[in-house]
Structure formats: C-alpha cells, structure tokens
N, C-alpha and C. Protein backbone atom coordinates (compact mmCIF):
# COMPACT_ATOMS: atom_id res chain seq x y z
N MET A 1 152.44 -61.10 -151.78
CA MET A 1 151.90 -60.10 -150.74
C MET A 1 152.37 -58.51 -151.27
N PHE A 2 151.39 -57.40 -150.86
CA PHE A 2 151.22 -56.07 -151.26
C PHE A 2 150.91 -55.47 -150.45
N THR A 3 151.17 -54.23 -150.14
CA THR A 3 150.91 -52.99 -149.03
C THR A 3 149.91 -52.19 -149.53
N GLY A 4 149.70 -52.20 -150.81
CA GLY A 4 148.31 -50.81 -151.15
C GLY A 4 148.87 -49.72 -151.82
N LEU A 5 150.63 -49.72 -151.85
CA LEU A 5 151.01 -48.60 -151.83
C LEU A 5 151.07 -48.42 -153.63
N VAL A 6 150.88 -47.66 -154.37
CA VAL A 6 151.44 -47.96 -155.79
C VAL A 6 152.54 -47.20 -156.30
N GLU A 7 152.77 -47.86 -157.02
CA GLU A 7 154.07 -47.56 -157.42
C GLU A 7 154.42 -47.06 -159.02
N GLU A 8 153.05 -46.84 -159.94
CA GLU A 8 153.37 -46.73 -160.95
C GLU A 8 151.87 -46.71 -161.41
N THR A 9 151.19 -45.97 -162.21
CA THR A 9 149.87 -45.68 -163.06
C THR A 9 150.30 -46.54 -164.17
N GLY A 10 150.50 -47.41 -164.98
CA GLY A 10 150.44 -47.83 -166.15
C GLY A 10 149.53 -47.67 -167.33
N GLU A 11 149.71 -47.68 -168.20
CA GLU A 11 148.40 -47.90 -169.47
C GLU A 11 148.25 -49.08 -170.07
N LEU A 12 147.18 -49.53 -169.82
CA LEU A 12 146.44 -50.67 -170.95
C LEU A 12 146.80 -50.74 -172.39
N LEU A 13 147.30 -51.34 -173.11
CA LEU A 13 148.00 -51.50 -174.77
C LEU A 13 146.70 -52.45 -174.86
N GLY A 14 146.12 -53.12 -174.20
CA GLY A 14 144.98 -54.58 -174.99
C GLY A 14 144.75 -55.76 -174.20
N LEU A 15 144.16 -56.30 -174.36
CA LEU A 15 143.64 -57.17 -174.08
C LEU A 15 143.11 -58.14 -175.05
N GLU A 16 143.94 -59.20 -175.26
CA GLU A 16 143.80 -60.56 -176.15
C GLU A 16 142.78 -61.57 -175.40
N ARG A 17 142.09 -61.95 -176.03
CA ARG A 17 141.00 -63.48 -175.87
C ARG A 17 140.78 -64.18 -176.47
N SER A 18 140.99 -65.62 -176.03
CA SER A 18 140.86 -66.57 -177.30
C SER A 18 139.85 -67.70 -176.31
N ALA A 19 139.36 -68.76 -176.53
CA ALA A 19 138.79 -69.92 -176.00
C ALA A 19 139.55 -70.31 -175.09
N ALA A 20 140.62 -70.33 -174.63
CA ALA A 20 141.73 -71.34 -173.90
C ALA A 20 142.38 -69.97 -172.53
N HIS A 21 142.27 -68.49 -173.09
CA HIS A 21 143.18 -68.04 -172.72
C HIS A 21 142.88 -65.98 -172.83
N ALA A 22 143.25 -65.57 -171.97
CA ALA A 22 143.54 -64.48 -172.08
C ALA A 22 144.79 -63.57 -172.19
N ARG A 23 145.29 -62.79 -172.14
CA ARG A 23 146.26 -61.74 -172.21
C ARG A 23 146.26 -60.77 -172.11
N LEU A 24 146.68 -59.57 -171.10
CA LEU A 24 146.83 -58.39 -170.57
C LEU A 24 148.38 -58.12 -170.99
N MET A 25 148.15 -57.20 -172.02
CA MET A 25 149.32 -56.13 -172.09
C MET A 25 149.70 -54.72 -171.37
N LEU A 26 150.44 -54.14 -171.05
CA LEU A 26 150.35 -53.16 -170.20
C LEU A 26 151.68 -51.97 -170.61
N ARG A 27 151.52 -50.79 -170.73
CA ARG A 27 152.46 -50.12 -170.62
C ARG A 27 153.12 -49.45 -169.31
N ALA A 28 154.51 -49.91 -168.60
CA ALA A 28 154.78 -49.99 -167.36
C ALA A 28 156.31 -49.38 -167.28
N PRO A 29 156.40 -48.23 -167.39
CA PRO A 29 158.35 -47.91 -168.16
C PRO A 29 158.99 -48.33 -166.46
N ILE A 30 158.35 -47.82 -165.56
CA ILE A 30 158.83 -47.90 -164.14
C ILE A 30 159.08 -49.06 -163.35
N VAL A 31 157.97 -49.54 -163.68
CA VAL A 31 157.78 -51.02 -162.73
C VAL A 31 158.28 -52.04 -163.82
N SER A 32 158.70 -52.10 -165.04
CA SER A 32 158.79 -53.61 -165.47
C SER A 32 160.41 -53.09 -165.99
N SER A 33 161.16 -52.08 -165.86
CA SER A 33 162.55 -51.78 -165.43
C SER A 33 163.26 -52.89 -164.39
N ASP A 34 162.53 -53.18 -163.35
CA ASP A 34 163.00 -53.60 -162.59
C ASP A 34 162.13 -55.07 -161.98
N VAL A 35 161.85 -55.71 -162.94
CA VAL A 35 160.90 -57.24 -162.77
C VAL A 35 161.44 -58.30 -163.21
N ARG A 36 161.25 -59.33 -163.36
CA ARG A 36 161.36 -60.93 -164.10
C ARG A 36 160.59 -61.41 -164.27
N LEU A 37 160.16 -62.21 -165.42
CA LEU A 37 159.20 -63.24 -165.82
C LEU A 37 159.17 -64.27 -164.39
N GLY A 38 157.97 -64.20 -164.07
CA GLY A 38 157.54 -64.84 -163.15
C GLY A 38 157.18 -63.96 -161.57
N ASP A 39 157.88 -63.00 -161.99
CA ASP A 39 157.62 -61.96 -160.91
C ASP A 39 155.94 -61.61 -160.70
N SER A 40 155.69 -61.40 -159.45
CA SER A 40 154.01 -60.84 -159.57
C SER A 40 153.91 -59.71 -159.18
N ILE A 41 153.32 -59.05 -159.83
CA ILE A 41 152.37 -57.95 -159.66
C ILE A 41 151.05 -57.67 -159.19
N ALA A 42 150.74 -56.45 -158.36
CA ALA A 42 149.25 -56.50 -158.61
C ALA A 42 148.59 -55.46 -159.76
N VAL A 43 147.83 -55.60 -160.58
CA VAL A 43 147.67 -54.79 -161.42
C VAL A 43 146.00 -54.66 -161.00
N ASN A 44 145.74 -53.09 -160.45
CA ASN A 44 144.46 -52.43 -160.07
C ASN A 44 144.17 -53.49 -158.56
N GLY A 45 145.30 -53.94 -157.85
CA GLY A 45 145.18 -54.90 -156.88
C GLY A 45 144.85 -56.37 -157.29
N CYS A 46 145.32 -56.78 -158.09
CA CYS A 46 145.00 -58.15 -158.36
C CYS A 46 146.28 -59.04 -159.12
N CYS A 47 146.84 -59.97 -158.07
CA CYS A 47 147.80 -60.18 -158.44
C CYS A 47 148.13 -61.05 -159.07
N LEU A 48 149.23 -60.96 -160.36
CA LEU A 48 149.42 -61.40 -161.60
C LEU A 48 150.41 -61.53 -161.65
N THR A 49 151.27 -62.76 -162.65
CA THR A 49 152.06 -63.47 -163.29
C THR A 49 152.77 -62.96 -164.36
N VAL A 50 154.19 -62.15 -164.20
CA VAL A 50 154.59 -61.41 -165.35
C VAL A 50 154.90 -62.24 -166.39
N THR A 51 154.53 -62.73 -167.67
CA THR A 51 154.70 -63.56 -168.45
C THR A 51 155.30 -63.25 -169.60
N GLU A 52 155.79 -62.09 -170.23
CA GLU A 52 156.46 -61.75 -171.07
C GLU A 52 157.24 -59.90 -170.63
N GLN A 53 158.37 -59.22 -170.28
CA GLN A 53 158.82 -58.24 -169.98
C GLN A 53 159.68 -58.10 -171.17
N ASP A 54 159.46 -56.39 -171.40
CA ASP A 54 161.25 -55.89 -171.87
C ASP A 54 161.13 -54.24 -171.35
N SER A 55 162.11 -53.86 -171.48
CA SER A 55 161.66 -52.27 -170.70
C SER A 55 160.82 -51.91 -170.55
N GLU A 56 159.82 -50.99 -171.12
CA GLU A 56 158.87 -50.84 -171.13
C GLU A 56 157.39 -51.66 -170.99
N ASN A 57 157.43 -52.34 -170.85
CA ASN A 57 155.82 -53.07 -171.09
C ASN A 57 156.06 -54.70 -170.50
N LEU A 58 154.42 -55.16 -170.17
CA LEU A 58 154.54 -56.39 -169.18
C LEU A 58 153.36 -56.92 -170.26
N THR A 59 153.23 -58.21 -170.08
CA THR A 59 152.60 -59.26 -170.34
C THR A 59 152.08 -59.94 -169.29
N PHE A 60 150.93 -60.46 -169.07
CA PHE A 60 150.27 -61.58 -167.57
C PHE A 60 149.07 -62.35 -169.16
N ASP A 61 149.37 -64.06 -168.39
CA ASP A 61 147.86 -64.47 -168.91
C ASP A 61 147.04 -64.29 -167.71
N LEU A 62 145.76 -64.80 -168.27
CA LEU A 62 144.74 -64.20 -167.03
C LEU A 62 143.94 -65.61 -167.17
N LEU A 63 143.70 -66.24 -165.92
CA LEU A 63 142.08 -66.85 -165.86
C LEU A 63 140.92 -66.13 -166.29
N ALA A 64 139.79 -67.26 -166.73
CA ALA A 64 138.44 -66.90 -166.75
C ALA A 64 137.96 -66.13 -165.33
N GLU A 65 138.63 -67.14 -164.25
CA GLU A 65 138.19 -66.30 -162.52
C GLU A 65 138.28 -64.92 -162.49
N THR A 66 139.70 -64.43 -163.14
CA THR A 66 139.98 -63.08 -163.05
C THR A 66 139.66 -62.16 -163.61
N LEU A 67 139.18 -62.39 -165.07
CA LEU A 67 138.51 -61.78 -166.09
C LEU A 67 136.57 -61.79 -164.94
N ALA A 68 136.40 -62.91 -164.60
CA ALA A 68 135.05 -62.78 -164.04
C ALA A 68 134.47 -61.65 -162.61
N ARG A 69 136.18 -61.84 -162.00
CA ARG A 69 136.24 -61.26 -160.43
C ARG A 69 136.41 -59.77 -159.99
N THR A 70 136.84 -59.12 -161.51
CA THR A 70 137.90 -58.33 -161.44
C THR A 70 137.40 -57.53 -162.33
N ASN A 71 137.73 -55.87 -162.46
CA ASN A 71 137.32 -55.08 -163.55
C ASN A 71 137.99 -55.23 -164.81
N LEU A 72 138.81 -55.94 -164.57
CA LEU A 72 140.42 -56.29 -165.74
C LEU A 72 139.51 -56.08 -167.35
N GLY A 73 138.66 -56.75 -167.45
CA GLY A 73 138.03 -57.33 -168.46
C GLY A 73 137.27 -56.24 -168.35
N GLN A 74 136.96 -55.59 -168.17
CA GLN A 74 136.61 -53.86 -168.74
C GLN A 74 136.70 -53.08 -169.35
N LEU A 75 138.29 -52.92 -168.78
CA LEU A 75 139.29 -51.58 -169.15
C LEU A 75 139.01 -51.23 -170.77
N ALA A 76 138.90 -50.21 -171.17
CA ALA A 76 139.38 -49.80 -172.22
C ALA A 76 141.08 -49.63 -173.20
N ASN A 77 141.41 -49.91 -173.85
CA ASN A 77 142.88 -49.66 -173.97
C ASN A 77 143.06 -47.78 -174.12
N GLY A 78 144.12 -48.07 -173.33
CA GLY A 78 144.45 -46.53 -172.98
C GLY A 78 144.42 -46.23 -171.26
N ALA A 79 143.66 -47.01 -170.65
CA ALA A 79 142.86 -46.69 -169.31
C ALA A 79 144.26 -47.33 -168.55
N PRO A 80 143.97 -46.09 -167.38
CA PRO A 80 145.06 -46.45 -166.45
C PRO A 80 145.21 -47.26 -165.25
N VAL A 81 145.80 -48.17 -164.89
CA VAL A 81 146.32 -49.00 -163.90
C VAL A 81 147.05 -48.99 -163.33
N ASN A 82 146.83 -49.55 -161.62
CA ASN A 82 147.44 -49.23 -160.63
C ASN A 82 148.30 -50.42 -160.47
N LEU A 83 149.60 -50.40 -160.50
CA LEU A 83 150.81 -51.11 -160.59
C LEU A 83 151.74 -51.21 -159.22
N GLU A 84 151.84 -52.43 -158.35
CA GLU A 84 152.51 -52.21 -157.51
C GLU A 84 153.37 -53.97 -157.11
N ARG A 85 154.94 -53.88 -157.46
CA ARG A 85 155.65 -54.84 -157.41
C ARG A 85 155.03 -55.89 -155.74
N ALA A 86 155.39 -56.91 -155.70
CA ALA A 86 155.18 -57.67 -154.01
C ALA A 86 156.44 -56.92 -153.08
N LEU A 87 156.00 -57.38 -152.30
CA LEU A 87 156.34 -56.83 -150.53
C LEU A 87 158.08 -57.45 -150.76
N SER A 88 158.75 -56.35 -150.75
CA SER A 88 160.07 -56.74 -149.84
C SER A 88 160.11 -57.52 -149.01
N ALA A 89 161.56 -58.35 -148.50
CA ALA A 89 161.26 -58.84 -146.82
C ALA A 89 161.64 -57.35 -146.11
N ARG A 90 162.77 -56.33 -146.94
CA ARG A 90 163.31 -55.58 -146.27
C ARG A 90 162.62 -54.23 -146.17
N ALA A 91 161.43 -54.34 -146.98
CA ALA A 91 160.60 -52.73 -147.59
C ALA A 91 159.84 -52.28 -146.30
N ARG A 92 159.80 -50.86 -146.14
CA ARG A 92 158.67 -50.43 -145.34
C ARG A 92 157.23 -50.70 -145.72
N LEU A 93 156.93 -51.41 -144.48
CA LEU A 93 155.21 -51.41 -144.34
C LEU A 93 154.28 -50.08 -144.32
N GLY A 94 153.70 -49.18 -145.29
CA GLY A 94 153.55 -48.24 -145.33
C GLY A 94 151.88 -48.33 -145.40
N GLY A 95 151.52 -49.43 -145.95
CA GLY A 95 150.13 -49.60 -146.23
C GLY A 95 149.61 -50.44 -145.24
N HIS A 96 148.89 -51.45 -145.49
CA HIS A 96 148.32 -52.64 -144.81
C HIS A 96 148.19 -54.02 -145.75
N PHE A 97 148.70 -55.46 -145.10
CA PHE A 97 148.62 -56.32 -146.39
C PHE A 97 148.23 -56.82 -146.77
N VAL A 98 148.02 -56.91 -148.19
CA VAL A 98 147.38 -56.92 -149.10
C VAL A 98 147.50 -57.81 -149.92
N GLN A 99 146.37 -58.95 -149.84
CA GLN A 99 147.28 -59.85 -151.10
C GLN A 99 147.10 -60.12 -152.04
N GLY A 100 146.55 -59.24 -153.10
CA GLY A 100 146.21 -58.96 -153.99
C GLY A 100 145.18 -60.44 -154.85
N HIS A 101 143.91 -60.78 -154.17
CA HIS A 101 143.45 -62.03 -154.06
C HIS A 101 141.69 -61.20 -153.86
N ILE A 102 141.32 -60.63 -155.20
CA ILE A 102 140.05 -59.57 -155.26
C ILE A 102 138.98 -60.24 -154.94
N ASP A 103 138.20 -59.54 -153.68
CA ASP A 103 136.86 -60.21 -153.48
C ASP A 103 135.73 -60.19 -154.47
N THR A 104 135.74 -58.73 -154.42
CA THR A 104 134.59 -58.30 -155.51
C THR A 104 134.87 -57.10 -156.28
N THR A 105 133.74 -56.62 -157.30
CA THR A 105 133.82 -55.59 -157.94
C THR A 105 132.49 -55.15 -157.76
N SER A 106 132.48 -52.92 -157.26
CA SER A 106 131.71 -53.21 -156.94
C SER A 106 131.49 -51.42 -157.63
N SER A 107 130.66 -50.94 -157.66
CA SER A 107 130.12 -49.40 -158.37
C SER A 107 130.65 -48.52 -157.38
N VAL A 108 131.16 -47.08 -158.24
CA VAL A 108 131.56 -46.37 -157.47
C VAL A 108 129.55 -45.32 -157.25
N LEU A 109 129.70 -44.95 -156.46
CA LEU A 109 128.52 -44.29 -156.30
C LEU A 109 128.34 -42.45 -156.23
N ALA A 110 129.70 -41.69 -155.82
CA ALA A 110 130.02 -40.61 -156.31
C ALA A 110 131.51 -40.59 -155.82
N PHE A 111 131.65 -39.19 -156.32
CA PHE A 111 133.14 -39.06 -156.07
C PHE A 111 133.26 -37.36 -156.36
N GLU A 112 133.40 -36.68 -155.15
CA GLU A 112 133.28 -35.53 -155.56
C GLU A 112 134.34 -34.48 -154.36
N GLN A 113 134.87 -33.36 -155.17
CA GLN A 113 136.12 -32.65 -154.32
C GLN A 113 135.23 -31.99 -153.12
N VAL A 114 135.76 -31.96 -152.25
CA VAL A 114 135.46 -31.22 -151.12
C VAL A 114 136.65 -30.64 -150.50
N LYS A 115 136.15 -29.33 -150.95
CA LYS A 115 138.48 -28.21 -150.49
C LYS A 115 139.10 -29.48 -151.69
N ALA A 116 140.11 -29.37 -150.69
CA ALA A 116 141.52 -30.18 -151.69
C ALA A 116 141.15 -31.46 -151.58
N ASP A 117 140.35 -32.14 -151.01
CA ASP A 117 139.80 -33.67 -150.77
C ASP A 117 139.28 -33.84 -151.57
N HIS A 118 139.12 -35.16 -151.72
CA HIS A 118 137.98 -35.69 -152.74
C HIS A 118 136.96 -36.91 -151.84
N ARG A 119 135.68 -36.88 -151.77
CA ARG A 119 135.02 -37.81 -151.19
C ARG A 119 134.56 -39.04 -152.26
N LEU A 120 135.14 -39.98 -151.71
CA LEU A 120 134.44 -41.67 -152.42
C LEU A 120 133.64 -42.12 -152.34
N GLU A 121 132.68 -42.36 -152.67
CA GLU A 121 131.30 -43.26 -152.05
C GLU A 121 131.28 -44.55 -152.83
N ILE A 122 130.80 -46.37 -152.17
CA ILE A 122 131.54 -47.01 -153.03
C ILE A 122 130.27 -47.78 -152.84
N ALA A 123 129.28 -48.52 -153.89
CA ALA A 123 128.21 -49.73 -153.03
C ALA A 123 129.30 -51.20 -151.89
N LEU A 124 128.41 -51.09 -151.26
CA LEU A 124 128.92 -52.14 -150.48
C LEU A 124 127.98 -53.25 -150.51
N PRO A 125 127.78 -54.47 -151.30
CA PRO A 125 127.05 -55.95 -151.44
C PRO A 125 127.11 -56.19 -150.20
N GLY A 126 125.68 -56.61 -150.03
CA GLY A 126 125.48 -57.24 -148.36
C GLY A 126 125.88 -58.40 -147.92
N GLU A 127 126.92 -59.11 -148.82
CA GLU A 127 127.93 -60.29 -147.89
C GLU A 127 128.81 -60.19 -147.87
N PHE A 128 129.14 -58.77 -148.12
CA PHE A 128 130.53 -58.67 -147.35
C PHE A 128 131.00 -56.76 -146.28
N ALA A 129 129.43 -56.48 -146.37
CA ALA A 129 129.28 -55.54 -145.32
C ALA A 129 130.28 -55.83 -143.89
N ALA A 130 130.13 -57.24 -143.47
CA ALA A 130 130.64 -57.51 -142.09
C ALA A 130 132.14 -57.52 -142.24
N TYR A 131 132.67 -57.07 -142.97
CA TYR A 131 134.33 -56.88 -143.54
C TYR A 131 134.47 -55.53 -143.56
N VAL A 132 133.83 -54.74 -143.31
CA VAL A 132 134.03 -53.22 -143.26
C VAL A 132 133.43 -52.65 -142.26
N ALA A 133 134.76 -52.13 -141.65
CA ALA A 133 134.39 -51.24 -139.99
C ALA A 133 135.25 -50.11 -140.45
N PHE A 134 134.41 -48.58 -139.73
CA PHE A 134 135.10 -47.16 -139.23
C PHE A 134 136.96 -47.47 -139.23
N LYS A 135 137.35 -46.96 -139.63
CA LYS A 135 138.49 -46.61 -139.53
C LYS A 135 139.25 -48.32 -140.13
N GLY A 136 138.79 -48.84 -140.58
CA GLY A 136 139.57 -50.28 -140.93
C GLY A 136 139.97 -50.27 -142.29
N SER A 137 141.15 -50.72 -142.75
CA SER A 137 141.90 -50.87 -144.10
C SER A 137 140.87 -51.61 -145.12
N ILE A 138 140.57 -51.12 -146.53
CA ILE A 138 140.33 -51.87 -147.25
C ILE A 138 141.65 -51.46 -148.45
N ALA A 139 141.37 -51.86 -149.79
CA ALA A 139 141.99 -52.50 -150.86
C ALA A 139 141.12 -51.83 -152.06
N ILE A 140 141.02 -50.68 -152.57
CA ILE A 140 140.61 -50.37 -153.87
C ILE A 140 141.13 -50.22 -155.10
N ASP A 141 140.93 -50.85 -156.03
CA ASP A 141 141.37 -50.80 -157.58
C ASP A 141 143.41 -50.89 -156.49
N GLY A 142 143.51 -52.04 -155.45
CA GLY A 142 145.09 -51.46 -154.65
C GLY A 142 145.78 -50.98 -154.16
N ILE A 143 144.77 -50.02 -154.00
CA ILE A 143 144.92 -48.70 -153.16
C ILE A 143 144.85 -48.96 -151.69
N SER A 144 145.43 -49.02 -150.79
CA SER A 144 145.12 -48.98 -149.41
C SER A 144 144.71 -47.79 -148.73
N LEU A 145 143.70 -47.69 -148.51
CA LEU A 145 142.84 -46.90 -147.69
C LEU A 145 141.96 -47.09 -146.65
N THR A 146 141.39 -45.94 -145.64
CA THR A 146 141.43 -45.98 -144.48
C THR A 146 139.06 -46.18 -144.59
N VAL A 147 139.24 -46.87 -144.21
CA VAL A 147 136.93 -46.59 -144.46
C VAL A 147 136.93 -45.17 -143.44
N ALA A 148 136.51 -44.14 -144.00
CA ALA A 148 136.17 -43.14 -142.78
C ALA A 148 134.61 -43.15 -142.53
N GLU A 149 133.53 -43.72 -143.37
CA GLU A 149 132.26 -44.03 -142.77
C GLU A 149 131.85 -45.31 -143.20
N VAL A 150 130.88 -45.89 -142.93
CA VAL A 150 130.08 -46.94 -142.89
C VAL A 150 128.64 -46.72 -143.34
N ARG A 151 127.80 -47.25 -144.46
CA ARG A 151 126.27 -46.81 -144.15
C ARG A 151 125.76 -48.16 -144.46
N GLU A 152 124.21 -48.07 -144.76
CA GLU A 152 123.15 -48.96 -144.67
C GLU A 152 124.06 -49.92 -146.07
N ALA A 153 124.63 -48.97 -147.40
CA ALA A 153 124.47 -49.82 -148.26
C ALA A 153 125.86 -49.69 -149.03
N SER A 154 126.66 -48.68 -148.42
CA SER A 154 127.68 -48.18 -149.06
C SER A 154 128.61 -47.69 -148.28
N PHE A 155 130.07 -47.36 -148.12
CA PHE A 155 130.87 -47.06 -147.22
C PHE A 155 131.89 -45.73 -148.42
N VAL A 156 132.55 -45.10 -147.15
CA VAL A 156 133.22 -43.98 -147.90
C VAL A 156 134.76 -43.65 -147.84
N VAL A 157 135.65 -43.25 -148.16
CA VAL A 157 136.66 -42.96 -148.02
C VAL A 157 137.59 -41.86 -148.63
N TRP A 158 138.03 -40.93 -148.30
CA TRP A 158 138.65 -39.88 -148.70
C TRP A 158 140.02 -39.92 -149.21
N ILE A 159 140.50 -39.05 -150.35
CA ILE A 159 140.92 -39.30 -150.92
C ILE A 159 142.00 -37.87 -150.92
N ILE A 160 143.23 -38.07 -150.83
CA ILE A 160 144.22 -36.70 -150.07
C ILE A 160 144.77 -36.39 -152.28
N PRO A 161 145.05 -35.35 -152.00
CA PRO A 161 145.71 -35.04 -153.23
C PRO A 161 146.35 -36.20 -153.51
N HIS A 162 147.72 -36.27 -152.71
CA HIS A 162 148.87 -36.59 -153.76
C HIS A 162 147.82 -38.21 -153.72
N THR A 163 147.41 -38.93 -153.50
CA THR A 163 146.64 -40.45 -153.70
C THR A 163 146.07 -40.09 -154.97
N LEU A 164 144.92 -39.04 -155.21
CA LEU A 164 144.64 -38.41 -156.63
C LEU A 164 145.68 -38.47 -157.46
N ALA A 165 146.83 -37.96 -157.82
CA ALA A 165 147.64 -37.57 -158.39
C ALA A 165 148.40 -38.51 -158.80
N VAL A 166 148.28 -40.11 -157.90
CA VAL A 166 149.72 -41.14 -158.70
C VAL A 166 148.83 -42.05 -159.10
N THR A 167 147.28 -42.26 -158.26
CA THR A 167 146.50 -43.40 -159.01
C THR A 167 145.65 -42.94 -160.13
N ASN A 168 145.12 -43.95 -160.52
CA ASN A 168 144.09 -44.12 -161.54
C ASN A 168 142.63 -43.96 -160.89
N LEU A 169 142.56 -42.62 -159.71
CA LEU A 169 141.27 -42.46 -159.11
C LEU A 169 141.20 -41.46 -159.83
N GLN A 170 142.01 -40.34 -160.31
CA GLN A 170 141.80 -39.42 -160.87
C GLN A 170 140.74 -39.20 -162.55
N THR A 171 140.43 -40.63 -162.57
CA THR A 171 139.66 -41.21 -163.61
C THR A 171 138.40 -41.93 -163.58
N LYS A 172 137.84 -41.68 -162.22
CA LYS A 172 137.09 -42.53 -161.60
C LYS A 172 135.97 -41.22 -161.49
N LYS A 173 134.26 -42.03 -161.82
CA LYS A 173 133.79 -41.62 -161.77
C LYS A 173 132.36 -42.27 -161.63
N ALA A 174 130.97 -41.32 -161.10
CA ALA A 174 129.96 -42.55 -160.57
C ALA A 174 129.90 -43.37 -161.75
N GLY A 175 129.53 -44.54 -161.18
CA GLY A 175 129.04 -45.92 -162.09
C GLY A 175 130.07 -46.92 -162.13
N ASP A 176 131.68 -46.11 -162.67
CA ASP A 176 132.47 -47.11 -162.90
C ASP A 176 132.73 -48.59 -161.37
N LEU A 177 133.26 -49.76 -162.15
CA LEU A 177 133.40 -50.44 -161.32
C LEU A 177 134.91 -50.51 -160.71
N VAL A 178 135.10 -50.53 -159.66
CA VAL A 178 136.29 -51.02 -158.62
C VAL A 178 136.58 -52.30 -158.34
N ASN A 179 138.01 -52.47 -158.01
CA ASN A 179 137.92 -53.81 -157.43
C ASN A 179 137.98 -53.77 -156.38
N LEU A 180 137.88 -54.58 -154.83
CA LEU A 180 137.71 -54.18 -153.99
C LEU A 180 138.33 -55.78 -153.21
N GLU A 181 139.24 -55.55 -151.96
CA GLU A 181 139.90 -56.67 -151.51
C GLU A 181 139.80 -56.27 -150.29
N PHE A 182 138.72 -56.94 -149.14
CA PHE A 182 138.85 -57.09 -147.92
C PHE A 182 139.90 -57.24 -146.97
N ASP A 183 140.31 -56.47 -145.83
CA ASP A 183 141.05 -56.57 -144.72
C ASP A 183 141.22 -58.37 -144.33
N LEU A 184 142.52 -58.93 -144.23
CA LEU A 184 143.08 -60.35 -144.48
C LEU A 184 142.42 -60.66 -143.07
N LEU A 185 142.91 -59.59 -141.74
CA LEU A 185 141.95 -60.17 -140.82
C LEU A 185 140.82 -60.05 -140.55
N ALA A 186 139.88 -59.68 -141.10
CA ALA A 186 138.50 -59.85 -140.71
C ALA A 186 138.38 -61.07 -141.63
N LYS A 187 138.48 -61.37 -142.32
CA LYS A 187 138.27 -62.80 -142.92
C LYS A 187 138.64 -64.32 -142.33
N TYR A 188 139.71 -63.48 -141.89
CA TYR A 188 140.55 -64.97 -140.68
C TYR A 188 139.27 -64.87 -139.21
N VAL A 189 139.07 -63.53 -138.71
CA VAL A 189 138.16 -63.75 -137.63
C VAL A 189 136.93 -64.40 -137.57
N GLU A 190 136.36 -64.02 -138.73
CA GLU A 190 134.94 -64.80 -139.56
C GLU A 190 135.49 -66.56 -139.51
N ARG A 191 135.97 -66.76 -140.05
CA ARG A 191 136.09 -68.15 -140.31
C ARG A 191 136.83 -68.57 -138.88
N ILE A 192 137.54 -68.34 -137.61
CA ILE A 192 137.45 -68.79 -136.38
C ILE A 192 136.26 -68.59 -135.85
N VAL A 193 135.56 -67.92 -135.59
CA VAL A 193 133.62 -67.85 -135.34
C VAL A 193 133.05 -68.74 -135.67
N SER A 194 133.03 -68.83 -137.19
CA SER A 194 132.19 -69.70 -137.92
C SER A 194 132.74 -71.09 -137.26
N VAL A 195 133.75 -71.54 -137.36
CA VAL A 195 134.27 -72.90 -136.79
C VAL A 195 133.81 -73.49 -135.17
N ARG A 196 134.02 -72.49 -134.67
CA ARG A 196 133.76 -72.02 -133.08
C ARG A 196 132.68 -72.58 -132.84
N ARG A 197 131.74 -71.85 -133.78
CA ARG A 197 129.93 -72.44 -133.82
C ARG A 197 129.66 -73.67 -134.40
N GLY A 198 130.82 -74.29 -135.04
CA GLY A 198 130.09 -75.31 -135.60
C GLY A 198 129.99 -75.00 -136.93
N GLY A 199 130.02 -74.06 -137.50
CA GLY A 199 130.24 -73.71 -139.02
C GLY A 199 130.84 -74.86 -139.87
N SER A 200 130.88 -74.69 -140.71
CA SER A 200 131.76 -75.47 -142.41
C SER A 200 133.08 -74.87 -142.66
C-alpha cells in the first residue's frame, strides 16, 4: 500500500527484454539506500518487487501484464520515474490509499502553465469514467492528485509548483502516456452495487 506521495524521481537505466521476462533497472540513490531485496516500490505508481539492489541502483522483474498495462515499457533510457516506498504502519497518510495496481494508461491532452500552477488534462476512457469524480482522488504516475474538473471524455487536475518540481510531471507534454490508478473506494462501491443487482 502506498500514499501517492513521491519520495524520489529516479532515472531509467535500462529495460532488458527476453522471451521469458523483462528486467527494469533504475538509478535511485535516495530510495535504494533504505530498501531490501523483496521490498515493494511504486515505480510510476506500479507496485514492483526489488530483485537486485545496491547503494544507488534498483532492479525489478516485470511481468508481461505489467508491460502491457503500464507506460514502463515505453520509457526511454534516462527518463525520470516517480518512486515511493511502501507505506509504513507508523507513517502519516498525506495522500490517499494507493495500491500500486495500474488500471490503465491514458494520454495527456494538454499541460499548460497558468500563473504559478499548471493545468493537466488527461483523456478519460469511457469504461473508467464512473471512477472519476469532482474533488475525488486519483493517482497519475503514482502521484496522489485531486480531480478539479470532469469533462465528457477527459478530466483535469491542477499541479502546484512543488509537485511539478519533485515528480516526473516536469517532463510531460501532450501525447505522453501516464499510468492511472482509480480510487479503491469507487471500485468497491461499484462491485457492491453490481452484486446486489444480481451482477457477477
């Protein structure tokens, strides 16, 4: 479980693919200094398990499902990635509960500066529209953000200067893919309603 508060922006060192699996390698001096093999790390919001580690670098094994559902397989070497260690039982919950289970990727439609802040608009696939609500929480590339506007086929969040400075959003532009994880509560509500109505 995570909070959506990014601890470090790591650097993609490489992605090795084979017929059997893929390995993702990152430079992450802050996070790697306090993790062990087997620990869970959210990488652009995707929960991954550390399989190799030294004082500055981390390696993860990726499933085919992970590559298909996230933007990790499309990043170039040197790309910044958002990193967060799993939530400690004694930590403050400053964002919202994030599982690290990416629901889908979606395209940035617009990212523009408005005075000191930035307006970020992202396409909203129709099958996920019910999970996005005005003032609700959403994780974008692992960042806990608040929905400011819901449009017919998109939604808008506002980015303050601090968030822009400490995440990979500073490199985003229209057309880029971002990982989306919708609020867990919305998914459970949908499931409960579906079962009570006789759905599967």
